[in-house]
PDB file of N, CA and C in Angstrom:
ATOM      1  N   MET A   1     129.617 268.933-106.724  1.00  0.00           N
ATOM      2  CA  MET A   1     130.401 269.436-105.676  1.00  0.00           C
ATOM      3  C   MET A   1     131.673 270.061-105.831  1.00  0.00           C
ATOM      4  N   SER A   2     131.956 271.287-105.350  1.00  0.00           N
ATOM      5  CA  SER A   2     133.213 271.658-105.688  1.00  0.00           C
ATOM      6  C   SER A   2     134.426 270.875-104.917  1.00  0.00           C
ATOM      7  N   LEU A   3     135.671 271.106-105.584  1.00  0.00           N
ATOM      8  CA  LEU A   3     136.816 270.389-105.047  1.00  0.00           C
ATOM      9  C   LEU A   3     136.947 270.739-103.580  1.00  0.00           C
ATOM     10  N   LEU A   4     136.980 271.920-103.283  1.00  0.00           N
ATOM     11  CA  LEU A   4     136.933 272.475-101.816  1.00  0.00           C
ATOM     12  C   LEU A   4     136.049 271.903-101.004  1.00  0.00           C
ATOM     13  N   ARG A   5     134.879 271.693-101.225  1.00  0.00           N
ATOM     14  CA  ARG A   5     133.807 271.026-100.501  1.00  0.00           C
ATOM     15  C   ARG A   5     134.110 269.569-100.337  1.00  0.00           C
ATOM     16  N   GLN A   6     134.424 268.910-101.499  1.00  0.00           N
ATOM     17  CA  GLN A   6     134.864 267.545-101.332  1.00  0.00           C
ATOM     18  C   GLN A   6     136.010 267.279-100.366  1.00  0.00           C
ATOM     19  N   GLN A   7     137.096 268.174-100.411  1.00  0.00           N
ATOM     20  CA  GLN A   7     138.197 268.003 -99.579  1.00  0.00           C
ATOM     21  C   GLN A   7     137.892 268.193 -98.152  1.00  0.00           C
ATOM     22  N   GLN A   8     136.943 269.264 -97.779  1.00  0.00           N
ATOM     23  CA  GLN A   8     136.304 269.450 -96.486  1.00  0.00           C
ATOM     24  C   GLN A   8     135.451 268.315 -95.942  1.00  0.00           C
ATOM     25  N   ALA A   9     134.637 267.725 -96.732  1.00  0.00           N
ATOM     26  CA  ALA A   9     133.842 266.582 -96.412  1.00  0.00           C
ATOM     27  C   ALA A   9     134.773 265.348 -96.160  1.00  0.00           C
ATOM     28  N   ALA A  10     135.826 265.189 -96.794  1.00  0.00           N
ATOM     29  CA  ALA A  10     136.671 264.090 -96.449  1.00  0.00           C
ATOM     30  C   ALA A  10     137.716 264.359 -95.402  1.00  0.00           C
ATOM     31  N   GLY A  11     138.047 265.701 -95.190  1.00  0.00           N
ATOM     32  CA  GLY A  11     138.879 266.075 -94.110  1.00  0.00           C
ATOM     33  C   GLY A  11     140.231 265.842 -94.530  1.00  0.00           C
ATOM     34  N   ARG A  12     141.210 266.667 -93.749  1.00  0.00           N
ATOM     35  CA  ARG A  12     142.572 266.668 -94.129  1.00  0.00           C
ATOM     36  C   ARG A  12     143.351 266.228 -92.944  1.00  0.00           C
ATOM     37  N   GLU A  13     144.164 265.115 -92.975  1.00  0.00           N
ATOM     38  CA  GLU A  13     144.914 264.739 -91.785  1.00  0.00           C
ATOM     39  C   GLU A  13     145.959 265.713 -91.506  1.00  0.00           C
ATOM     40  N   LEU A  14     145.879 266.163 -90.215  1.00  0.00           N
ATOM     41  CA  LEU A  14     146.955 267.198 -89.745  1.00  0.00           C
ATOM     42  C   LEU A  14     148.203 266.225 -89.186  1.00  0.00           C
ATOM     43  N   PHE A  15     147.927 265.258 -88.395  1.00  0.00           N
ATOM     44  CA  PHE A  15     149.054 264.544 -88.008  1.00  0.00           C
ATOM     45  C   PHE A  15     148.553 263.164 -87.527  1.00  0.00           C
ATOM     46  N   MET A  16     149.416 262.356 -87.171  1.00  0.00           N
ATOM     47  CA  MET A  16     149.213 261.047 -86.549  1.00  0.00           C
ATOM     48  C   MET A  16     150.272 260.691 -85.569  1.00  0.00           C
ATOM     49  N   ARG A  17     150.113 260.378 -84.357  1.00  0.00           N
ATOM     50  CA  ARG A  17     150.971 259.969 -83.407  1.00  0.00           C
ATOM     51  C   ARG A  17     150.761 258.541 -83.021  1.00  0.00           C
ATOM     52  N   HIS A  18     151.856 257.601 -82.805  1.00  0.00           N
ATOM     53  CA  HIS A  18     151.788 256.223 -82.491  1.00  0.00           C
ATOM     54  C   HIS A  18     152.670 256.177 -81.199  1.00  0.00           C
ATOM     55  N   ALA A  19     151.979 255.632 -80.133  1.00  0.00           N
ATOM     56  CA  ALA A  19     152.567 255.462 -78.806  1.00  0.00           C
ATOM     57  C   ALA A  19     153.014 254.055 -78.676  1.00  0.00           C
ATOM     58  N   LYS A  20     154.150 253.665 -78.254  1.00  0.00           N
ATOM     59  CA  LYS A  20     154.429 252.331 -77.974  1.00  0.00           C
ATOM     60  C   LYS A  20     155.299 252.148 -76.655  1.00  0.00           C
ATOM     61  N   ARG A  21     155.141 251.108 -76.129  1.00  0.00           N
ATOM     62  CA  ARG A  21     156.007 250.801 -74.854  1.00  0.00           C
ATOM     63  C   ARG A  21     156.484 249.375 -74.936  1.00  0.00           C
ATOM     64  N   GLU A  22     157.639 249.454 -74.619  1.00  0.00           N
ATOM     65  CA  GLU A  22     158.494 248.037 -74.828  1.00  0.00           C
ATOM     66  C   GLU A  22     158.196 247.413 -76.132  1.00  0.00           C
ATOM     67  N   GLY A  23     158.083 248.158 -77.206  1.00  0.00           N
ATOM     68  CA  GLY A  23     157.848 247.669 -78.530  1.00  0.00           C
ATOM     69  C   GLY A  23     156.266 247.317 -78.843  1.00  0.00           C
ATOM     70  N   ARG A  24     155.505 247.551 -77.957  1.00  0.00           N
ATOM     71  CA  ARG A  24     154.122 247.165 -78.132  1.00  0.00           C
ATOM     72  C   ARG A  24     153.235 248.385 -78.300  1.00  0.00           C
ATOM     73  N   SER A  25     152.410 248.413 -79.389  1.00  0.00           N
ATOM     74  CA  SER A  25     151.643 249.445 -79.592  1.00  0.00           C
ATOM     75  C   SER A  25     150.571 249.708 -78.398  1.00  0.00           C
ATOM     76  N   VAL A  26     150.503 251.005 -77.859  1.00  0.00           N
ATOM     77  CA  VAL A  26     149.706 251.376 -76.870  1.00  0.00           C
ATOM     78  C   VAL A  26     148.467 252.228 -77.408  1.00  0.00           C
ATOM     79  N   ALA A  27     148.729 253.061 -78.185  1.00  0.00           N
ATOM     80  CA  ALA A  27     147.837 254.041 -78.634  1.00  0.00           C
ATOM     81  C   ALA A  27     148.336 254.584 -80.134  1.00  0.00           C
ATOM     82  N   LYS A  28     147.152 255.110 -80.812  1.00  0.00           N
ATOM     83  CA  LYS A  28     147.392 255.755 -82.043  1.00  0.00           C
ATOM     84  C   LYS A  28     146.429 256.983 -81.881  1.00  0.00           C
ATOM     85  N   ILE A  29     146.930 258.195 -82.287  1.00  0.00           N
ATOM     86  CA  ILE A  29     146.109 259.354 -82.019  1.00  0.00           C
ATOM     87  C   ILE A  29     146.218 260.132 -83.409  1.00  0.00           C
ATOM     88  N   ARG A  30     145.041 260.437 -84.051  1.00  0.00           N
ATOM     89  CA  ARG A  30     145.051 261.137 -85.378  1.00  0.00           C
ATOM     90  C   ARG A  30     144.195 262.347 -85.377  1.00  0.00           C
ATOM     91  N   ALA A  31     144.534 263.393 -85.834  1.00  0.00           N
ATOM     92  CA  ALA A  31     143.931 264.635 -86.027  1.00  0.00           C
ATOM     93  C   ALA A  31     143.497 265.090 -87.350  1.00  0.00           C
ATOM     94  N   VAL A  32     142.272 265.359 -87.756  1.00  0.00           N
ATOM     95  CA  VAL A  32     141.801 265.490 -89.022  1.00  0.00           C
ATOM     96  C   VAL A  32     141.067 266.746 -88.975  1.00  0.00           C
ATOM     97  N   ASP A  33     141.394 267.751 -90.017  1.00  0.00           N
ATOM     98  CA  ASP A  33     140.818 269.062 -90.029  1.00  0.00           C
ATOM     99  C   ASP A  33     139.857 268.970 -91.157  1.00  0.00           C
ATOM    100  N   TYR A  34     138.600 269.400 -90.729  1.00  0.00           N
ATOM    101  CA  TYR A  34     137.291 269.271 -91.730  1.00  0.00           C
ATOM    102  C   TYR A  34     137.050 270.811 -92.230  1.00  0.00           C
ATOM    103  N   GLY A  35     137.788 271.774 -91.790  1.00  0.00           N
ATOM    104  CA  GLY A  35     137.454 273.015 -92.190  1.00  0.00           C
ATOM    105  C   GLY A  35     136.830 273.844 -91.161  1.00  0.00           C
ATOM    106  N   ASP A  36     135.588 273.375 -90.792  1.00  0.00           N
ATOM    107  CA  ASP A  36     134.697 274.131 -89.716  1.00  0.00           C
ATOM    108  C   ASP A  36     134.913 273.523 -88.378  1.00  0.00           C
ATOM    109  N   SER A  37     135.757 272.440 -88.308  1.00  0.00           N
ATOM    110  CA  SER A  37     136.048 271.835 -86.998  1.00  0.00           C
ATOM    111  C   SER A  37     137.193 270.881 -87.011  1.00  0.00           C
ATOM    112  N   CYS A  38     137.840 270.203 -86.113  1.00  0.00           N
ATOM    113  CA  CYS A  38     138.937 269.471 -86.164  1.00  0.00           C
ATOM    114  C   CYS A  38     138.585 268.178 -85.295  1.00  0.00           C
ATOM    115  N   VAL A  39     138.921 267.090 -85.743  1.00  0.00           N
ATOM    116  CA  VAL A  39     138.297 265.913 -84.959  1.00  0.00           C
ATOM    117  C   VAL A  39     139.703 264.943 -84.687  1.00  0.00           C
ATOM    118  N   VAL A  40     139.818 264.754 -83.395  1.00  0.00           N
ATOM    119  CA  VAL A  40     140.829 263.770 -82.825  1.00  0.00           C
ATOM    120  C   VAL A  40     140.169 262.332 -82.723  1.00  0.00           C
ATOM    121  N   GLU A  41     140.858 261.352 -83.573  1.00  0.00           N
ATOM    122  CA  GLU A  41     140.370 260.012 -83.550  1.00  0.00           C
ATOM    123  C   GLU A  41     141.528 259.227 -82.695  1.00  0.00           C
ATOM    124  N   THR A  42     141.041 258.255 -81.733  1.00  0.00           N
ATOM    125  CA  THR A  42     142.052 257.536 -81.186  1.00  0.00           C
ATOM    126  C   THR A  42     141.900 255.983 -81.164  1.00  0.00           C
ATOM    127  N   GLU A  43     142.672 255.130 -81.074  1.00  0.00           N
ATOM    128  CA  GLU A  43     142.829 253.899 -80.942  1.00  0.00           C
ATOM    129  C   GLU A  43     143.742 253.507 -79.739  1.00  0.00           C
ATOM    130  N   VAL A  44     143.161 252.606 -78.804  1.00  0.00           N
ATOM    131  CA  VAL A  44     144.064 252.213 -77.731  1.00  0.00           C
ATOM    132  C   VAL A  44     143.911 250.766 -77.816  1.00  0.00           C
ATOM    133  N   PHE A  45     145.175 250.185 -77.410  1.00  0.00           N
ATOM    134  CA  PHE A  45     145.415 248.726 -77.405  1.00  0.00           C
ATOM    135  C   PHE A  45     145.652 248.213 -76.168  1.00  0.00           C
ATOM    136  N   PRO A  46     144.580 247.699 -75.514  1.00  0.00           N
ATOM    137  CA  PRO A  46     144.746 247.111 -73.998  1.00  0.00           C
ATOM    138  C   PRO A  46     145.733 245.914 -73.987  1.00  0.00           C
ATOM    139  N   VAL A  47     146.451 245.678 -73.000  1.00  0.00           N
ATOM    140  CA  VAL A  47     147.289 244.680 -72.663  1.00  0.00           C
ATOM    141  C   VAL A  47     146.680 243.337 -73.054  1.00  0.00           C
ATOM    142  N   GLN A  48     145.419 243.075 -72.495  1.00  0.00           N
ATOM    143  CA  GLN A  48     144.597 241.964 -72.746  1.00  0.00           C
ATOM    144  C   GLN A  48     144.207 241.647 -74.239  1.00  0.00           C
ATOM    145  N   GLY A  49     144.588 242.670 -75.133  1.00  0.00           N
ATOM    146  CA  GLY A  49     144.175 242.462 -76.538  1.00  0.00           C
ATOM    147  C   GLY A  49     143.055 243.330 -76.941  1.00  0.00           C
ATOM    148  N   GLY A  50     142.854 243.315 -78.188  1.00  0.00           N
ATOM    149  CA  GLY A  50     141.574 243.942 -78.777  1.00  0.00           C
ATOM    150  C   GLY A  50     142.107 245.443 -79.030  1.00  0.00           C
ATOM    151  N   THR A  51     141.143 246.277 -79.476  1.00  0.00           N
ATOM    152  CA  THR A  51     141.182 247.683 -79.587  1.00  0.00           C
ATOM    153  C   THR A  51     139.931 248.291 -79.136  1.00  0.00           C
ATOM    154  N   VAL A  52     140.306 249.544 -78.492  1.00  0.00           N
ATOM    155  CA  VAL A  52     139.164 250.371 -77.928  1.00  0.00           C
ATOM    156  C   VAL A  52     139.340 251.784 -78.708  1.00  0.00           C
ATOM    157  N   GLN A  53     138.256 252.248 -79.122  1.00  0.00           N
ATOM    158  CA  GLN A  53     138.165 253.483 -79.771  1.00  0.00           C
ATOM    159  C   GLN A  53     137.453 254.722 -79.163  1.00  0.00           C
ATOM    160  N   PRO A  54     137.981 255.300 -78.084  1.00  0.00           N
ATOM    161  CA  PRO A  54     137.321 256.166 -77.399  1.00  0.00           C
ATOM    162  C   PRO A  54     137.279 257.395 -78.303  1.00  0.00           C
ATOM    163  N   GLY A  55     136.270 258.331 -78.003  1.00  0.00           N
ATOM    164  CA  GLY A  55     136.148 259.436 -78.929  1.00  0.00           C
ATOM    165  C   GLY A  55     135.068 259.120 -80.068  1.00  0.00           C
ATOM    166  N   PRO A  56     135.140 259.884 -81.126  1.00  0.00           N
ATOM    167  CA  PRO A  56     136.038 260.890 -81.386  1.00  0.00           C
ATOM    168  C   PRO A  56     135.866 262.192 -80.547  1.00  0.00           C
ATOM    169  N   TYR A  57     136.884 263.058 -80.468  1.00  0.00           N
ATOM    170  CA  TYR A  57     136.803 264.255 -79.727  1.00  0.00           C
ATOM    171  C   TYR A  57     136.764 265.476 -80.813  1.00  0.00           C
ATOM    172  N   THR A  58     135.766 266.218 -80.798  1.00  0.00           N
ATOM    173  CA  THR A  58     135.530 267.371 -81.833  1.00  0.00           C
ATOM    174  C   THR A  58     136.139 268.800 -81.280  1.00  0.00           C
ATOM    175  N   PHE A  59     136.770 269.371 -81.847  1.00  0.00           N
ATOM    176  CA  PHE A  59     137.167 270.754 -81.298  1.00  0.00           C
ATOM    177  C   PHE A  59     136.895 271.854 -82.570  1.00  0.00           C
ATOM    178  N   ALA A  60     136.799 273.101 -81.987  1.00  0.00           N
ATOM    179  CA  ALA A  60     136.540 274.112 -82.903  1.00  0.00           C
ATOM    180  C   ALA A  60     137.550 274.438 -83.973  1.00  0.00           C
ATOM    181  N   ASP A  61     138.844 273.998 -83.660  1.00  0.00           N
ATOM    182  CA  ASP A  61     139.865 274.500 -84.710  1.00  0.00           C
ATOM    183  C   ASP A  61     141.142 273.552 -84.463  1.00  0.00           C
ATOM    184  N   ALA A  62     142.040 273.624 -85.263  1.00  0.00           N
ATOM    185  CA  ALA A  62     143.271 272.810 -85.132  1.00  0.00           C
ATOM    186  C   ALA A  62     144.010 273.161 -84.030  1.00  0.00           C
ATOM    187  N   HIS A  63     144.059 274.372 -83.575  1.00  0.00           N
ATOM    188  CA  HIS A  63     144.892 274.806 -82.487  1.00  0.00           C
ATOM    189  C   HIS A  63     144.314 274.065 -81.130  1.00  0.00           C
ATOM    190  N   GLN A  64     143.050 273.966 -81.017  1.00  0.00           N
ATOM    191  CA  GLN A  64     142.586 273.291 -79.706  1.00  0.00           C
ATOM    192  C   GLN A  64     142.777 271.896 -79.823  1.00  0.00           C
ATOM    193  N   ALA A  65     142.673 271.302 -81.043  1.00  0.00           N
ATOM    194  CA  ALA A  65     142.909 269.785 -81.187  1.00  0.00           C
ATOM    195  C   ALA A  65     144.417 269.543 -80.927  1.00  0.00           C
ATOM    196  N   THR A  66     145.295 270.320 -81.479  1.00  0.00           N
ATOM    197  CA  THR A  66     146.741 270.109 -81.226  1.00  0.00           C
ATOM    198  C   THR A  66     146.996 270.181 -79.741  1.00  0.00           C
ATOM    199  N   ALA A  67     146.453 271.214 -79.069  1.00  0.00           N
ATOM    200  CA  ALA A  67     146.738 271.292 -77.557  1.00  0.00           C
ATOM    201  C   ALA A  67     146.268 270.025 -76.899  1.00  0.00           C
ATOM    202  N   PHE A  68     145.143 269.436 -77.216  1.00  0.00           N
ATOM    203  CA  PHE A  68     144.656 268.269 -76.573  1.00  0.00           C
ATOM    204  C   PHE A  68     145.652 267.128 -76.915  1.00  0.00           C
ATOM    205  N   VAL A  69     145.953 266.831 -78.286  1.00  0.00           N
ATOM    206  CA  VAL A  69     146.986 265.849 -78.321  1.00  0.00           C
ATOM    207  C   VAL A  69     148.311 265.920 -77.739  1.00  0.00           C
ATOM    208  N   THR A  70     148.690 267.200 -77.642  1.00  0.00           N
ATOM    209  CA  THR A  70     150.112 267.534 -77.119  1.00  0.00           C
ATOM    210  C   THR A  70     150.054 266.993 -75.548  1.00  0.00           C
ATOM    211  N   GLU A  71     148.945 267.444 -74.776  1.00  0.00           N
ATOM    212  CA  GLU A  71     148.811 266.876 -73.489  1.00  0.00           C
ATOM    213  C   GLU A  71     148.723 265.451 -73.388  1.00  0.00           C
ATOM    214  N   ALA A  72     148.030 264.778 -74.359  1.00  0.00           N
ATOM    215  CA  ALA A  72     147.913 263.275 -74.330  1.00  0.00           C
ATOM    216  C   ALA A  72     149.409 262.701 -74.525  1.00  0.00           C
ATOM    217  N   VAL A  73     150.012 263.260 -75.571  1.00  0.00           N
ATOM    218  CA  VAL A  73     151.413 262.686 -75.877  1.00  0.00           C
ATOM    219  C   VAL A  73     152.272 262.777 -74.605  1.00  0.00           C
ATOM    220  N   GLU A  74     152.237 264.029 -73.986  1.00  0.00           N
ATOM    221  CA  GLU A  74     153.105 264.254 -72.619  1.00  0.00           C
ATOM    222  C   GLU A  74     152.698 263.224 -71.715  1.00  0.00           C
ATOM    223  N   SER A  75     151.432 262.942 -71.541  1.00  0.00           N
ATOM    224  CA  SER A  75     151.124 262.004 -70.600  1.00  0.00           C
ATOM    225  C   SER A  75     151.488 260.550 -70.820  1.00  0.00           C
ATOM    226  N   LEU A  76     151.469 260.178 -72.142  1.00  0.00           N
ATOM    227  CA  LEU A  76     152.027 258.887 -72.567  1.00  0.00           C
ATOM    228  C   LEU A  76     153.426 258.861 -72.385  1.00  0.00           C
ATOM    229  N   MET A  77     154.220 259.807 -72.767  1.00  0.00           N
ATOM    230  CA  MET A  77     155.640 259.857 -72.586  1.00  0.00           C
ATOM    231  C   MET A  77     155.999 259.675 -70.939  1.00  0.00           C
ATOM    232  N   TYR A  78     155.101 260.481 -70.097  1.00  0.00           N
ATOM    233  CA  TYR A  78     155.450 260.355 -68.726  1.00  0.00           C
ATOM    234  C   TYR A  78     155.238 258.946 -68.162  1.00  0.00           C
ATOM    235  N   LEU A  79     154.290 258.237 -68.785  1.00  0.00           N
ATOM    236  CA  LEU A  79     154.074 256.791 -68.439  1.00  0.00           C
ATOM    237  C   LEU A  79     154.971 255.732 -69.149  1.00  0.00           C
ATOM    238  N   GLY A  80     156.039 256.328 -69.798  1.00  0.00           N
ATOM    239  CA  GLY A  80     157.105 255.457 -70.286  1.00  0.00           C
ATOM    240  C   GLY A  80     157.016 255.072 -71.653  1.00  0.00           C
ATOM    241  N   CYS A  81     156.025 255.686 -72.449  1.00  0.00           N
ATOM    242  CA  CYS A  81     155.933 255.389 -74.019  1.00  0.00           C
ATOM    243  C   CYS A  81     156.776 256.107 -74.823  1.00  0.00           C
ATOM    244  N   ASP A  82     157.274 255.570 -75.854  1.00  0.00           N
ATOM    245  CA  ASP A  82     157.870 256.183 -76.886  1.00  0.00           C
ATOM    246  C   ASP A  82     156.730 256.716 -77.887  1.00  0.00           C
ATOM    247  N   VAL A  83     156.900 257.860 -78.383  1.00  0.00           N
ATOM    248  CA  VAL A  83     155.812 258.317 -79.368  1.00  0.00           C
ATOM    249  C   VAL A  83     156.346 258.811 -80.586  1.00  0.00           C
ATOM    250  N   TYR A  84     155.949 258.380 -81.676  1.00  0.00           N
ATOM    251  CA  TYR A  84     156.405 258.678 -82.935  1.00  0.00           C
ATOM    252  C   TYR A  84     155.394 259.325 -83.857  1.00  0.00           C
ATOM    253  N   ALA A  85     155.858 260.202 -84.741  1.00  0.00           N
ATOM    254  CA  ALA A  85     155.001 260.825 -85.650  1.00  0.00           C
ATOM    255  C   ALA A  85     154.879 259.914 -86.931  1.00  0.00           C
ATOM    256  N   GLU A  86     153.686 259.799 -87.416  1.00  0.00           N
ATOM    257  CA  GLU A  86     153.573 258.850 -88.627  1.00  0.00           C
ATOM    258  C   GLU A  86     153.026 259.709 -89.729  1.00  0.00           C
TER     259      GLU A  86
END
């Protein structure tokens, strides 16, 4: 398998966002580019504990995935979360 094919199969992380509220993790959002699609993976940390992993959400390209994450981050900020790039 060529190096390019291996990289596409593994995906390339575009970015990771980590939302916290009052010092407690609320959510992590990660975008991964696979070349022919872009996937957004999420982890949500409910107040009662545990982890929920909604998605993954698949988009045709990085532009669409970025628009989705931008809207999610804006919503989290509106709800009082601090959002960090990781």
